[in-house]
Amino acid sequence: EQEIKRLAQILTAPDGVKLINRNMHFHQMLTKGLEFSYEVNDETYTPHVFPIDWEHPENNDFLVVNQLPIEGRMSRRPDIVIYINGLPLIVFELKNPNNEQATVYDAYTQIQNYTYDISQLFNYNAFVVISDNVETKHGMPFADYDFFASWKSIDGRSVDNNRANTMRTLIEGLFPKDRLLNYIRNFIVFLEEGSKITKIGAKYHQFFGVNFAVNEAIRATRPDGDRKIGVMYHTTGSGKSLSMLFFAGILSRHHEMENPSIVIQVDRNDLDEQLHDTFVQGKSYIGHVHHAENTEQLRTLLRGEAGQIIFSTIEKFRKKEGETRHPVLSERRNIVVIADEAHRTQAGFAGGFAAQLRYA
């Protein structure tokens, strides 16, 4: 029991020179837990500790606090802070509805001021919500205003485009306890490009679409599953690369999938650069990414046992001389193939690349 205080200090003092580095380090401890060593009677114990019980949302302590004064460079009072297990993870900034001039952008500006005036609060922040009592948006405190978005669905099936409903849709669509924990754990990613770090959170279509796809993947890979997951359609600019990253990350951690291998299959020789870059930059979320350089390397990777993420172009699933069809590389049920631009090379199982991929 006397070690709890020391553990709390580790959790509440994340490393990092800049605010975003501290926020990233804290998010890693929050979502992945940490190894904690302590001694009792000359015996050393090293449990893996999670500050949140992710699997059982109701086991956690949720607290909504209104107008909490916080001392920093200046004294500030954010409108609403949501604590989970004593950690201030979400901040709401609400503009006065009686002030006709106040806009949702003013709420955004206020959040930017907070990150300077009471920066310690944002060591722990998962995301923020801004509202002017008509329009409500969510986003990352470090992001430009253009990246803030409304949450437009409660059930992921019907979309509500009425701006005046955006607060209710956000609360009912994202803030049920199980959904909120799912979002914080699985739908926030830090992309690292050299020393530059960008924190990104999913929009509603990614959250619902990926969750539906994950459920289908689990169903399809069960012993009685039909091995077919489905198609997820994206319009240009709607974050396809990130949806694929979230999908791969959740599957790779899901206990029912038992450490799957995920093959990301693109159909252009130059690889889909943006997609590959997103996965490489998201290593803190997804881990190491393999890139199959040739047919031989692809076969070796797929014959391997443990879960891994493999990028390949489809024509690497080719027969070698003397082979009438592709040899079976693995009998495992938990190899998931994500086809990017699936319409071009997936048609027909008469013997094209798609057929060879199936045989493999």
Protein backbone atom coordinates (compact mmCIF):
# COMPACT_ATOMS: atom_id res chain seq x y z
CA GLU A 1 0.00 0.00 0.00
CA GLN A 2 2.82 2.42 0.75
CA GLU A 3 4.00 2.02 -2.86
CA ILE A 4 0.76 3.42 -4.32
CA LYS A 5 1.93 6.98 -3.73
CA ARG A 6 5.15 6.36 -5.66
CA LEU A 7 3.18 4.75 -8.48
CA ALA A 8 0.83 7.75 -8.63
CA GLN A 9 3.85 10.06 -8.84
CA ILE A 10 5.26 8.15 -11.82
CA LEU A 11 1.89 8.34 -13.58
CA THR A 12 1.40 12.03 -12.93
CA ALA A 13 4.93 13.14 -13.86
CA PRO A 14 5.39 12.12 -17.52
CA ASP A 15 8.79 12.81 -19.10
CA GLY A 16 9.28 15.27 -21.92
CA VAL A 17 10.73 18.70 -22.61
CA LYS A 18 7.75 19.90 -24.63
CA LEU A 19 4.10 19.63 -23.69
CA ILE A 20 3.28 17.26 -26.58
CA ASN A 21 6.13 14.93 -25.55
CA ARG A 22 4.79 14.78 -21.99
CA ASN A 23 1.27 14.21 -23.31
CA MET A 24 2.51 11.39 -25.54
CA HIS A 25 4.45 9.73 -22.72
CA PHE A 26 1.43 9.97 -20.42
CA HIS A 27 -0.85 8.52 -23.11
CA GLN A 28 1.50 5.53 -23.47
CA MET A 29 1.36 4.86 -19.71
CA LEU A 30 -2.41 5.36 -19.71
CA THR A 31 -3.20 3.01 -22.59
CA LYS A 32 -0.41 0.43 -22.42
CA GLY A 33 0.21 0.45 -18.69
CA LEU A 34 3.66 0.25 -17.14
CA GLU A 35 5.95 -2.19 -15.36
CA PHE A 36 6.14 -1.22 -11.70
CA SER A 37 8.78 -2.73 -9.43
CA TYR A 38 8.57 -2.75 -5.65
CA GLU A 39 9.90 -4.82 -2.77
CA VAL A 40 8.17 -6.46 0.16
CA ASN A 41 10.23 -8.47 2.69
CA ASP A 42 13.20 -8.62 0.28
CA GLU A 43 11.00 -10.01 -2.50
CA THR A 44 10.73 -7.99 -5.71
CA TYR A 45 7.39 -7.76 -7.46
CA THR A 46 6.96 -6.32 -10.97
CA PRO A 47 3.27 -6.14 -11.86
CA HIS A 48 2.08 -4.56 -15.11
CA VAL A 49 -0.14 -1.74 -13.90
CA PHE A 50 -2.96 -0.03 -15.80
CA PRO A 51 -4.36 3.24 -14.42
CA ILE A 52 -7.73 2.41 -16.04
CA ASP A 53 -9.59 -0.90 -16.16
CA TRP A 54 -10.16 -0.87 -19.91
CA GLU A 55 -12.02 -4.16 -20.08
CA HIS A 56 -14.61 -3.29 -17.41
CA PRO A 57 -15.66 0.36 -17.84
CA GLU A 58 -17.94 0.34 -14.78
CA ASN A 59 -14.96 -0.47 -12.51
CA ASN A 60 -13.61 3.05 -13.06
CA ASP A 61 -14.41 6.26 -11.28
CA PHE A 62 -15.91 8.94 -13.56
CA LEU A 63 -16.24 12.50 -12.31
CA VAL A 64 -17.51 15.62 -14.08
CA VAL A 65 -16.23 18.83 -12.48
CA ASN A 66 -17.60 22.28 -13.25
CA GLN A 67 -15.55 25.53 -13.07
CA LEU A 68 -12.47 24.09 -11.39
CA PRO A 69 -9.91 26.84 -10.58
CA ILE A 70 -6.41 25.82 -11.71
CA GLU A 71 -3.24 27.74 -10.87
CA GLY A 72 -0.55 28.04 -13.51
CA ARG A 73 1.10 31.02 -15.16
CA MET A 74 -2.30 32.55 -14.49
CA SER A 75 -5.36 31.29 -12.66
CA ARG A 76 -7.89 29.74 -15.05
CA ARG A 77 -11.26 27.98 -14.73
CA PRO A 78 -12.06 25.56 -17.55
CA ASP A 79 -15.82 25.07 -17.84
CA ILE A 80 -15.87 21.28 -17.46
CA VAL A 81 -13.12 18.77 -16.70
CA ILE A 82 -13.88 15.05 -16.88
CA TYR A 83 -11.78 12.89 -14.59
CA ILE A 84 -11.37 9.14 -14.92
CA ASN A 85 -9.77 7.56 -11.85
CA GLY A 86 -8.60 11.01 -10.77
CA LEU A 87 -6.91 11.81 -14.09
CA PRO A 88 -8.21 14.94 -15.89
CA LEU A 89 -8.61 13.50 -19.38
CA ILE A 90 -11.18 15.72 -21.11
CA VAL A 91 -11.76 19.48 -21.07
CA PHE A 92 -14.92 21.24 -22.29
CA GLU A 93 -14.84 24.95 -23.11
CA LEU A 94 -18.32 26.42 -23.58
CA LYS A 95 -18.95 29.94 -24.77
CA ASN A 96 -21.72 31.94 -23.12
CA PRO A 97 -24.95 31.33 -25.06
CA ASN A 98 -26.19 34.82 -24.13
CA ASN A 99 -23.30 36.50 -25.90
CA GLU A 100 -24.27 36.73 -29.56
CA GLN A 101 -20.68 37.47 -30.57
CA ALA A 102 -19.17 34.40 -28.92
CA THR A 103 -18.37 31.67 -31.45
CA VAL A 104 -17.08 28.12 -31.29
CA TYR A 105 -13.79 29.53 -32.58
CA ASP A 106 -13.56 31.71 -29.46
CA ALA A 107 -13.82 28.53 -27.39
CA TYR A 108 -10.96 27.08 -29.44
CA THR A 109 -8.85 30.20 -28.79
CA GLN A 110 -9.54 29.88 -25.08
CA ILE A 111 -8.26 26.29 -25.12
CA GLN A 112 -5.07 27.51 -26.85
CA ASN A 113 -4.63 30.06 -24.05
CA TYR A 114 -5.10 27.33 -21.46
CA THR A 115 -2.33 25.20 -22.99
CA TYR A 116 -0.03 28.14 -22.16
CA ASP A 117 -1.53 29.45 -18.91
CA ILE A 118 -2.26 26.08 -17.22
CA SER A 119 -0.14 23.80 -19.36
CA GLN A 120 0.15 21.13 -16.63
CA LEU A 121 -3.53 20.22 -17.21
CA PHE A 122 -2.69 19.24 -20.79
CA ASN A 123 0.00 16.76 -19.81
CA TYR A 124 -2.95 14.43 -19.24
CA ASN A 125 -5.48 15.60 -21.82
CA ALA A 126 -6.95 13.02 -24.20
CA PHE A 127 -9.07 15.49 -26.17
CA VAL A 128 -11.07 18.69 -25.80
CA VAL A 129 -14.62 19.74 -26.65
CA ILE A 130 -15.52 23.28 -27.74
CA SER A 131 -19.00 24.73 -28.10
CA ASP A 132 -20.90 27.99 -28.55
CA ASN A 133 -24.21 26.42 -27.49
CA VAL A 134 -25.20 25.88 -31.13
CA GLU A 135 -22.26 24.09 -32.69
CA THR A 136 -20.06 21.62 -30.79
CA LYS A 137 -16.73 20.16 -31.96
CA HIS A 138 -14.07 17.88 -30.55
CA GLY A 139 -10.37 17.77 -31.28
CA MET A 140 -6.83 17.78 -29.97
CA PRO A 141 -5.68 20.80 -27.95
CA PHE A 142 -2.49 21.02 -30.05
CA ALA A 143 -4.25 20.91 -33.43
CA ASP A 144 -5.29 23.72 -35.76
CA TYR A 145 -8.94 24.70 -35.63
CA ASP A 146 -9.54 23.19 -39.09
CA PHE A 147 -8.98 19.72 -37.62
CA PHE A 148 -11.81 20.08 -35.09
CA ALA A 149 -14.98 18.28 -36.13
CA SER A 150 -18.54 17.61 -35.04
CA TRP A 151 -19.60 14.14 -33.89
CA LYS A 152 -22.56 13.46 -36.14
CA SER A 153 -23.90 10.04 -35.16
CA ILE A 154 -25.26 8.37 -32.04
CA ASP A 155 -25.38 4.81 -33.37
CA GLY A 156 -22.95 4.88 -36.31
CA ARG A 157 -25.77 4.10 -38.73
CA SER A 158 -27.69 7.34 -39.08
CA VAL A 159 -26.02 10.73 -39.49
CA ASP A 160 -27.39 13.96 -38.03
CA ASN A 161 -26.15 17.02 -39.94
CA ASN A 162 -28.07 19.54 -37.85
CA ARG A 163 -25.49 21.79 -36.17
CA ALA A 164 -27.84 22.56 -33.29
CA ASN A 165 -27.88 18.86 -32.29
CA THR A 166 -24.11 18.44 -32.18
CA MET A 167 -23.78 18.61 -28.37
CA ARG A 168 -26.46 15.98 -27.78
CA THR A 169 -25.05 13.77 -30.57
CA LEU A 170 -21.54 14.03 -29.10
CA ILE A 171 -22.68 13.20 -25.57
CA GLU A 172 -24.91 10.30 -26.59
CA GLY A 173 -22.61 9.10 -29.38
CA LEU A 174 -19.21 9.27 -27.65
CA PHE A 175 -19.69 9.64 -23.90
CA PRO A 176 -21.27 6.34 -22.81
CA LYS A 177 -18.50 5.02 -20.54
CA ASP A 178 -17.55 2.02 -22.67
CA ARG A 179 -17.35 4.14 -25.84
CA LEU A 180 -15.35 6.89 -24.20
CA LEU A 181 -12.77 4.39 -22.92
CA ASN A 182 -12.68 2.68 -26.32
CA TYR A 183 -12.01 6.05 -27.99
CA ILE A 184 -9.25 7.09 -25.56
CA ARG A 185 -7.54 3.70 -25.73
CA ASN A 186 -7.87 2.86 -29.42
CA PHE A 187 -8.64 5.98 -31.45
CA ILE A 188 -5.90 8.44 -30.51
CA VAL A 189 -2.53 8.18 -32.22
CA PHE A 190 0.75 10.12 -32.08
CA LEU A 191 2.48 10.22 -35.47
CA GLU A 192 6.25 10.77 -35.24
CA GLU A 193 8.15 12.25 -38.16
CA GLY A 194 11.70 12.91 -37.00
CA SER A 195 11.30 15.12 -33.94
CA LYS A 196 7.88 16.36 -35.03
CA ILE A 197 4.93 14.77 -33.23
CA THR A 198 1.33 15.11 -34.39
CA LYS A 199 -1.52 13.93 -32.17
CA ILE A 200 -4.61 12.77 -34.03
CA GLY A 201 -8.00 11.53 -32.85
CA ALA A 202 -10.56 9.68 -34.94
CA LYS A 203 -13.66 11.33 -36.32
CA TYR A 204 -17.03 9.69 -35.80
CA HIS A 205 -17.08 7.82 -39.12
CA GLN A 206 -13.70 6.25 -38.35
CA PHE A 207 -14.72 5.31 -34.81
CA PHE A 208 -17.93 3.57 -35.87
CA GLY A 209 -16.62 2.17 -39.15
CA VAL A 210 -13.54 0.61 -37.57
CA ASN A 211 -15.53 -0.80 -34.63
CA PHE A 212 -17.98 -2.43 -37.03
CA ALA A 213 -15.04 -3.83 -39.04
CA VAL A 214 -13.32 -5.17 -35.90
CA ASN A 215 -16.50 -7.01 -34.86
CA GLU A 216 -16.78 -8.48 -38.37
CA ALA A 217 -13.13 -9.56 -38.30
CA ILE A 218 -13.62 -11.36 -35.00
CA ARG A 219 -16.76 -13.06 -36.32
CA ALA A 220 -15.14 -14.03 -39.64
CA THR A 221 -11.98 -15.52 -38.08
CA ARG A 222 -13.71 -17.66 -35.47
CA PRO A 223 -13.54 -21.43 -36.15
CA ASP A 224 -17.04 -21.30 -37.68
CA GLY A 225 -16.44 -17.97 -39.45
CA ASP A 226 -16.65 -17.53 -43.23
CA ARG A 227 -13.24 -15.76 -43.48
CA LYS A 228 -14.85 -12.73 -45.17
CA ILE A 229 -14.91 -9.40 -43.37
CA GLY A 230 -16.26 -6.88 -45.88
CA VAL A 231 -15.60 -3.58 -47.57
CA MET A 232 -15.12 -0.19 -45.93
CA TYR A 233 -15.65 2.65 -48.38
CA HIS A 234 -13.87 6.00 -47.95
CA THR A 235 -14.26 9.21 -49.89
CA THR A 236 -11.08 11.12 -50.74
CA GLY A 237 -9.61 12.90 -47.73
CA SER A 238 -11.68 11.09 -45.12
CA GLY A 239 -8.73 9.46 -43.40
CA LYS A 240 -8.47 6.00 -44.96
CA SER A 241 -4.85 5.50 -43.82
CA LEU A 242 -5.77 6.28 -40.22
CA SER A 243 -8.83 4.02 -40.32
CA MET A 244 -6.55 1.19 -41.45
CA LEU A 245 -4.07 2.02 -38.69
CA PHE A 246 -6.77 2.01 -35.98
CA PHE A 247 -8.24 -1.24 -37.35
CA ALA A 248 -4.85 -2.97 -37.41
CA GLY A 249 -3.95 -1.71 -33.93
CA ILE A 250 -7.18 -2.84 -32.27
CA LEU A 251 -7.04 -6.27 -33.94
CA SER A 252 -3.41 -6.82 -32.98
CA ARG A 253 -4.27 -6.20 -29.30
CA HIS A 254 -7.60 -8.06 -29.23
CA HIS A 255 -7.52 -11.19 -27.05
CA GLU A 256 -9.83 -13.16 -29.38
CA MET A 257 -7.46 -12.62 -32.30
CA GLU A 258 -4.55 -14.23 -30.42
CA ASN A 259 -1.74 -12.10 -31.80
CA PRO A 260 -2.73 -11.94 -35.48
CA SER A 261 -0.59 -11.19 -38.51
CA ILE A 262 -1.96 -8.32 -40.58
CA VAL A 263 -1.09 -8.11 -44.27
CA ILE A 264 -1.61 -4.70 -45.81
CA GLN A 265 -1.83 -5.36 -49.49
CA VAL A 266 -1.50 -2.47 -51.91
CA ASP A 267 -1.68 -2.82 -55.66
CA ARG A 268 0.81 -0.24 -56.91
CA ASN A 269 4.48 -1.00 -57.31
CA ASP A 270 5.60 2.15 -55.55
CA LEU A 271 3.58 1.02 -52.52
CA ASP A 272 0.98 3.43 -51.26
CA GLU A 273 3.55 5.84 -49.80
CA GLN A 274 1.10 7.75 -47.64
CA LEU A 275 -0.30 4.57 -46.14
CA HIS A 276 3.13 3.09 -45.44
CA ASP A 277 4.36 6.39 -43.95
CA THR A 278 1.33 6.60 -41.66
CA PHE A 279 2.04 3.13 -40.28
CA VAL A 280 5.76 3.82 -39.84
CA GLN A 281 5.07 7.16 -38.11
CA GLY A 282 2.48 5.45 -35.89
CA LYS A 283 4.97 3.00 -34.40
CA SER A 284 4.12 4.02 -30.82
CA TYR A 285 0.59 2.80 -31.56
CA ILE A 286 1.20 -0.16 -33.85
CA GLY A 287 4.77 -1.34 -33.36
CA HIS A 288 7.25 -2.31 -36.05
CA VAL A 289 6.09 -2.62 -39.67
CA HIS A 290 7.66 -5.10 -42.11
CA HIS A 291 7.90 -4.34 -45.80
CA ALA A 292 8.21 -7.38 -48.06
CA GLU A 293 10.82 -6.46 -50.69
CA ASN A 294 10.25 -9.53 -52.87
CA THR A 295 8.25 -12.74 -53.18
CA GLU A 296 10.75 -14.77 -51.17
CA GLN A 297 10.72 -12.34 -48.23
CA LEU A 298 6.92 -12.19 -48.29
CA ARG A 299 6.72 -15.98 -48.06
CA THR A 300 9.22 -16.07 -45.19
CA LEU A 301 7.30 -13.40 -43.24
CA LEU A 302 3.97 -15.15 -43.73
CA ARG A 303 5.37 -18.51 -42.66
CA GLY A 304 6.46 -16.87 -39.39
CA GLU A 305 4.41 -17.50 -36.30
CA ALA A 306 4.02 -14.36 -34.22
CA GLY A 307 1.78 -11.41 -34.93
CA GLN A 308 3.27 -8.84 -37.26
CA ILE A 309 2.28 -6.17 -39.72
CA ILE A 310 3.44 -6.80 -43.28
CA PHE A 311 3.19 -4.44 -46.25
CA SER A 312 3.25 -5.99 -49.70
CA THR A 313 2.15 -5.27 -53.24
CA ILE A 314 -0.23 -7.87 -54.62
CA GLU A 315 1.99 -9.12 -57.45
CA LYS A 316 4.41 -10.56 -54.85
CA PHE A 317 1.77 -13.28 -54.42
CA ARG A 318 3.04 -14.88 -57.58
CA LYS A 319 3.79 -18.45 -58.54
CA LYS A 320 7.40 -19.44 -59.02
CA GLU A 321 8.60 -21.49 -61.95
CA GLY A 322 7.27 -25.01 -61.76
CA GLU A 323 4.41 -24.11 -59.40
CA THR A 324 0.91 -24.66 -60.77
CA ARG A 325 -0.57 -22.78 -57.86
CA HIS A 326 0.71 -20.84 -54.88
CA PRO A 327 1.94 -23.01 -51.99
CA VAL A 328 0.08 -22.74 -48.67
CA LEU A 329 2.16 -20.48 -46.42
CA SER A 330 0.11 -20.71 -43.25
CA GLU A 331 -2.87 -22.57 -41.80
CA ARG A 332 -3.40 -19.98 -39.07
CA ARG A 333 -6.92 -18.58 -38.87
CA ASN A 334 -5.75 -15.18 -37.62
CA ILE A 335 -4.03 -13.72 -40.67
CA VAL A 336 -6.03 -10.68 -41.74
CA VAL A 337 -5.54 -9.18 -45.20
CA ILE A 338 -6.45 -5.52 -45.66
CA ALA A 339 -6.61 -4.68 -49.36
CA ASP A 340 -6.11 -1.03 -50.23
CA GLU A 341 -7.87 0.05 -53.46
CA ALA A 342 -9.53 -3.35 -53.51
CA HIS A 343 -11.42 -2.84 -56.76
CA ARG A 344 -8.49 -3.12 -59.15
CA THR A 345 -6.81 -6.45 -58.58
CA GLN A 346 -9.25 -8.46 -56.50
CA ALA A 347 -11.60 -9.67 -59.20
CA GLY A 348 -11.76 -13.26 -60.36
CA PHE A 349 -10.35 -16.33 -58.66
CA ALA A 350 -9.46 -18.13 -61.86
CA GLY A 351 -5.75 -17.81 -61.19
CA GLY A 352 -4.89 -14.11 -60.92
CA PHE A 353 -2.99 -12.56 -58.00
CA ALA A 354 -6.11 -12.47 -55.81
CA ALA A 355 -6.49 -16.23 -56.26
CA GLN A 356 -2.82 -16.84 -55.38
CA LEU A 357 -3.26 -14.75 -52.23
CA ARG A 358 -6.19 -17.00 -51.27
CA TYR A 359 -4.23 -20.17 -51.91
CA ALA A 360 -1.39 -18.80 -49.78
